[in-house]
Amino acid sequence: MSDNLYDFLKKKKTEYNQEQMDWNKVKEEWVQQLVVFMDTIKNWLKQPKEEGLIEIIERELEISEEHIGKYKAPTLELVIGTEAIKITPIGRFIIGASGRVDISSYINRFNVFSPL
């Protein structure tokens, strides 16, 4: 094999390795975004919670996705009287977005997408 071809292939391999995604970092950033999102909702509802108008139940959900594997994501359940609203992460890898969280009740479901 000529040195030029060998050098070219080594260079391409190095470039490829540098371009590889750090999937662990992607996962950590996604979970941190979810924590911030859930904390924002809890802050919005701080006064109603203190006044006993709403109960906020915090849980964790295990999600498994291609590339980033399994991870634990925060969820919320907002209980108002006999009704509940669930805020549940669906996944980081969603076509057309960089993450999805569903907000659902027995009446309806809304999808919250993070822009790319």
C-alpha atoms as a PDB file:
ATOM      1  CA  MET A   1       0.000   0.000   0.000  1.00  0.00           C
ATOM      2  CA  SER A   2       1.400   3.377  -0.894  1.00  0.00           C
ATOM      3  CA  ASP A   3       2.264   5.751   1.912  1.00  0.00           C
ATOM      4  CA  ASN A   4      -0.122   8.365   0.519  1.00  0.00           C
ATOM      5  CA  LEU A   5      -3.099   6.018   0.673  1.00  0.00           C
ATOM      6  CA  TYR A   6      -2.121   4.764   4.115  1.00  0.00           C
ATOM      7  CA  ASP A   7      -1.716   8.322   5.423  1.00  0.00           C
ATOM      8  CA  PHE A   8      -5.034   9.311   3.848  1.00  0.00           C
ATOM      9  CA  LEU A   9      -6.842   6.396   5.505  1.00  0.00           C
ATOM     10  CA  LYS A  10      -5.283   7.153   8.899  1.00  0.00           C
ATOM     11  CA  LYS A  11      -6.323  10.797   8.580  1.00  0.00           C
ATOM     12  CA  LYS A  12      -9.903   9.839   7.678  1.00  0.00           C
ATOM     13  CA  LYS A  13     -10.070   7.413  10.611  1.00  0.00           C
ATOM     14  CA  THR A  14      -8.872  10.135  12.994  1.00  0.00           C
ATOM     15  CA  GLU A  15     -11.420  12.618  11.624  1.00  0.00           C
ATOM     16  CA  TYR A  16     -14.192  10.036  11.920  1.00  0.00           C
ATOM     17  CA  ASN A  17     -13.306   9.276  15.548  1.00  0.00           C
ATOM     18  CA  GLN A  18     -13.314  12.978  16.403  1.00  0.00           C
ATOM     19  CA  GLU A  19     -16.741  13.420  14.834  1.00  0.00           C
ATOM     20  CA  GLN A  20     -18.310  10.554  16.779  1.00  0.00           C
ATOM     21  CA  MET A  21     -21.073  11.610  19.119  1.00  0.00           C
ATOM     22  CA  ASP A  22     -20.404  11.485  22.826  1.00  0.00           C
ATOM     23  CA  TRP A  23     -23.629   9.586  23.561  1.00  0.00           C
ATOM     24  CA  ASN A  24     -23.089   9.690  27.304  1.00  0.00           C
ATOM     25  CA  LYS A  25     -22.865  13.479  27.148  1.00  0.00           C
ATOM     26  CA  VAL A  26     -26.037  13.634  25.019  1.00  0.00           C
ATOM     27  CA  LYS A  27     -27.851  11.513  27.623  1.00  0.00           C
ATOM     28  CA  GLU A  28     -26.603  13.601  30.550  1.00  0.00           C
ATOM     29  CA  GLU A  29     -27.615  16.851  28.845  1.00  0.00           C
ATOM     30  CA  TRP A  30     -31.080  15.474  28.033  1.00  0.00           C
ATOM     31  CA  VAL A  31     -31.690  14.333  31.616  1.00  0.00           C
ATOM     32  CA  GLN A  32     -30.498  17.727  32.885  1.00  0.00           C
ATOM     33  CA  GLN A  33     -32.919  19.490  30.493  1.00  0.00           C
ATOM     34  CA  LEU A  34     -35.720  17.326  31.889  1.00  0.00           C
ATOM     35  CA  VAL A  35     -34.766  18.212  35.470  1.00  0.00           C
ATOM     36  CA  VAL A  36     -34.835  21.924  34.605  1.00  0.00           C
ATOM     37  CA  PHE A  37     -38.198  21.527  32.819  1.00  0.00           C
ATOM     38  CA  MET A  38     -39.763  19.707  35.788  1.00  0.00           C
ATOM     39  CA  ASP A  39     -38.284  22.212  38.262  1.00  0.00           C
ATOM     40  CA  THR A  40     -39.780  25.059  36.214  1.00  0.00           C
ATOM     41  CA  ILE A  41     -43.223  23.485  36.429  1.00  0.00           C
ATOM     42  CA  LYS A  42     -42.830  22.938  40.189  1.00  0.00           C
ATOM     43  CA  ASN A  43     -41.821  26.587  40.606  1.00  0.00           C
ATOM     44  CA  TRP A  44     -44.882  27.736  38.640  1.00  0.00           C
ATOM     45  CA  LEU A  45     -47.062  25.720  41.007  1.00  0.00           C
ATOM     46  CA  LYS A  46     -45.262  26.580  44.240  1.00  0.00           C
ATOM     47  CA  GLN A  47     -47.972  28.840  45.656  1.00  0.00           C
ATOM     48  CA  PRO A  48     -50.931  26.582  44.738  1.00  0.00           C
ATOM     49  CA  LYS A  49     -49.034  23.665  46.308  1.00  0.00           C
ATOM     50  CA  GLU A  50     -48.357  25.623  49.505  1.00  0.00           C
ATOM     51  CA  GLU A  51     -52.062  26.518  49.673  1.00  0.00           C
ATOM     52  CA  GLY A  52     -53.061  22.856  49.274  1.00  0.00           C
ATOM     53  CA  LEU A  53     -54.716  23.431  45.903  1.00  0.00           C
ATOM     54  CA  ILE A  54     -52.540  20.902  44.096  1.00  0.00           C
ATOM     55  CA  GLU A  55     -50.420  17.905  45.012  1.00  0.00           C
ATOM     56  CA  ILE A  56     -47.200  17.326  43.083  1.00  0.00           C
ATOM     57  CA  ILE A  57     -45.934  13.755  42.966  1.00  0.00           C
ATOM     58  CA  GLU A  58     -42.390  13.257  41.706  1.00  0.00           C
ATOM     59  CA  ARG A  59     -41.306   9.948  40.218  1.00  0.00           C
ATOM     60  CA  GLU A  60     -38.628   8.483  37.977  1.00  0.00           C
ATOM     61  CA  LEU A  61     -39.177   6.569  34.784  1.00  0.00           C
ATOM     62  CA  GLU A  62     -36.636   4.268  33.174  1.00  0.00           C
ATOM     63  CA  ILE A  63     -36.342   4.910  29.452  1.00  0.00           C
ATOM     64  CA  SER A  64     -34.270   2.937  26.959  1.00  0.00           C
ATOM     65  CA  GLU A  65     -33.207   4.477  23.659  1.00  0.00           C
ATOM     66  CA  GLU A  66     -30.939   3.483  20.835  1.00  0.00           C
ATOM     67  CA  HIS A  67     -27.448   5.004  21.097  1.00  0.00           C
ATOM     68  CA  ILE A  68     -27.785   6.295  24.672  1.00  0.00           C
ATOM     69  CA  GLY A  69     -29.142   3.169  26.361  1.00  0.00           C
ATOM     70  CA  LYS A  70     -31.127   3.154  29.595  1.00  0.00           C
ATOM     71  CA  TYR A  71     -31.532   6.158  31.824  1.00  0.00           C
ATOM     72  CA  LYS A  72     -33.787   7.419  34.591  1.00  0.00           C
ATOM     73  CA  ALA A  73     -35.879  10.477  33.786  1.00  0.00           C
ATOM     74  CA  PRO A  74     -37.952  12.605  36.165  1.00  0.00           C
ATOM     75  CA  THR A  75     -41.748  12.644  35.833  1.00  0.00           C
ATOM     76  CA  LEU A  76     -44.456  14.624  37.582  1.00  0.00           C
ATOM     77  CA  GLU A  77     -48.043  13.903  38.429  1.00  0.00           C
ATOM     78  CA  LEU A  78     -50.158  16.917  39.314  1.00  0.00           C
ATOM     79  CA  VAL A  79     -53.194  15.943  41.368  1.00  0.00           C
ATOM     80  CA  ILE A  80     -56.073  18.391  41.608  1.00  0.00           C
ATOM     81  CA  GLY A  81     -58.929  16.899  43.601  1.00  0.00           C
ATOM     82  CA  THR A  82     -59.757  13.595  41.903  1.00  0.00           C
ATOM     83  CA  GLU A  83     -58.069  14.491  38.610  1.00  0.00           C
ATOM     84  CA  ALA A  84     -54.430  14.004  37.636  1.00  0.00           C
ATOM     85  CA  ILE A  85     -52.170  15.451  34.975  1.00  0.00           C
ATOM     86  CA  LYS A  86     -49.070  13.432  34.110  1.00  0.00           C
ATOM     87  CA  ILE A  87     -45.908  14.979  32.709  1.00  0.00           C
ATOM     88  CA  THR A  88     -43.867  12.181  31.171  1.00  0.00           C
ATOM     89  CA  PRO A  89     -40.675  12.266  29.086  1.00  0.00           C
ATOM     90  CA  ILE A  90     -40.992  10.106  25.968  1.00  0.00           C
ATOM     91  CA  GLY A  91     -37.482  10.282  24.566  1.00  0.00           C
ATOM     92  CA  ARG A  92     -34.567  12.346  23.383  1.00  0.00           C
ATOM     93  CA  PHE A  93     -34.538  11.111  19.786  1.00  0.00           C
ATOM     94  CA  ILE A  94     -37.731  12.250  18.103  1.00  0.00           C
ATOM     95  CA  ILE A  95     -38.004  13.027  14.387  1.00  0.00           C
ATOM     96  CA  GLY A  96     -38.049  16.782  13.898  1.00  0.00           C
ATOM     97  CA  ALA A  97     -37.157  17.611  17.513  1.00  0.00           C
ATOM     98  CA  SER A  98     -34.466  17.083  20.078  1.00  0.00           C
ATOM     99  CA  GLY A  99     -36.753  15.583  22.684  1.00  0.00           C
ATOM    100  CA  ARG A 100     -40.384  15.022  23.625  1.00  0.00           C
ATOM    101  CA  VAL A 101     -42.394  15.234  26.836  1.00  0.00           C
ATOM    102  CA  ASP A 102     -46.108  14.351  27.006  1.00  0.00           C
ATOM    103  CA  ILE A 103     -48.576  16.168  29.233  1.00  0.00           C
ATOM    104  CA  SER A 104     -51.696  14.059  29.608  1.00  0.00           C
ATOM    105  CA  SER A 105     -54.901  13.666  31.558  1.00  0.00           C
ATOM    106  CA  TYR A 106     -57.915  11.461  31.073  1.00  0.00           C
ATOM    107  CA  ILE A 107     -59.329  14.176  28.786  1.00  0.00           C
ATOM    108  CA  ASN A 108     -56.442  14.988  26.466  1.00  0.00           C
ATOM    109  CA  ARG A 109     -52.751  14.605  25.647  1.00  0.00           C
ATOM    110  CA  PHE A 110     -50.312  17.306  24.568  1.00  0.00           C
ATOM    111  CA  ASN A 111     -46.842  16.742  23.164  1.00  0.00           C
ATOM    112  CA  VAL A 112     -44.125  19.219  24.077  1.00  0.00           C
ATOM    113  CA  PHE A 113     -41.213  19.124  21.646  1.00  0.00           C
ATOM    114  CA  SER A 114     -37.788  20.614  22.143  1.00  0.00           C
ATOM    115  CA  PRO A 115     -36.647  22.403  18.975  1.00  0.00           C
ATOM    116  CA  LEU A 116     -33.562  21.152  17.171  1.00  0.00           C
END
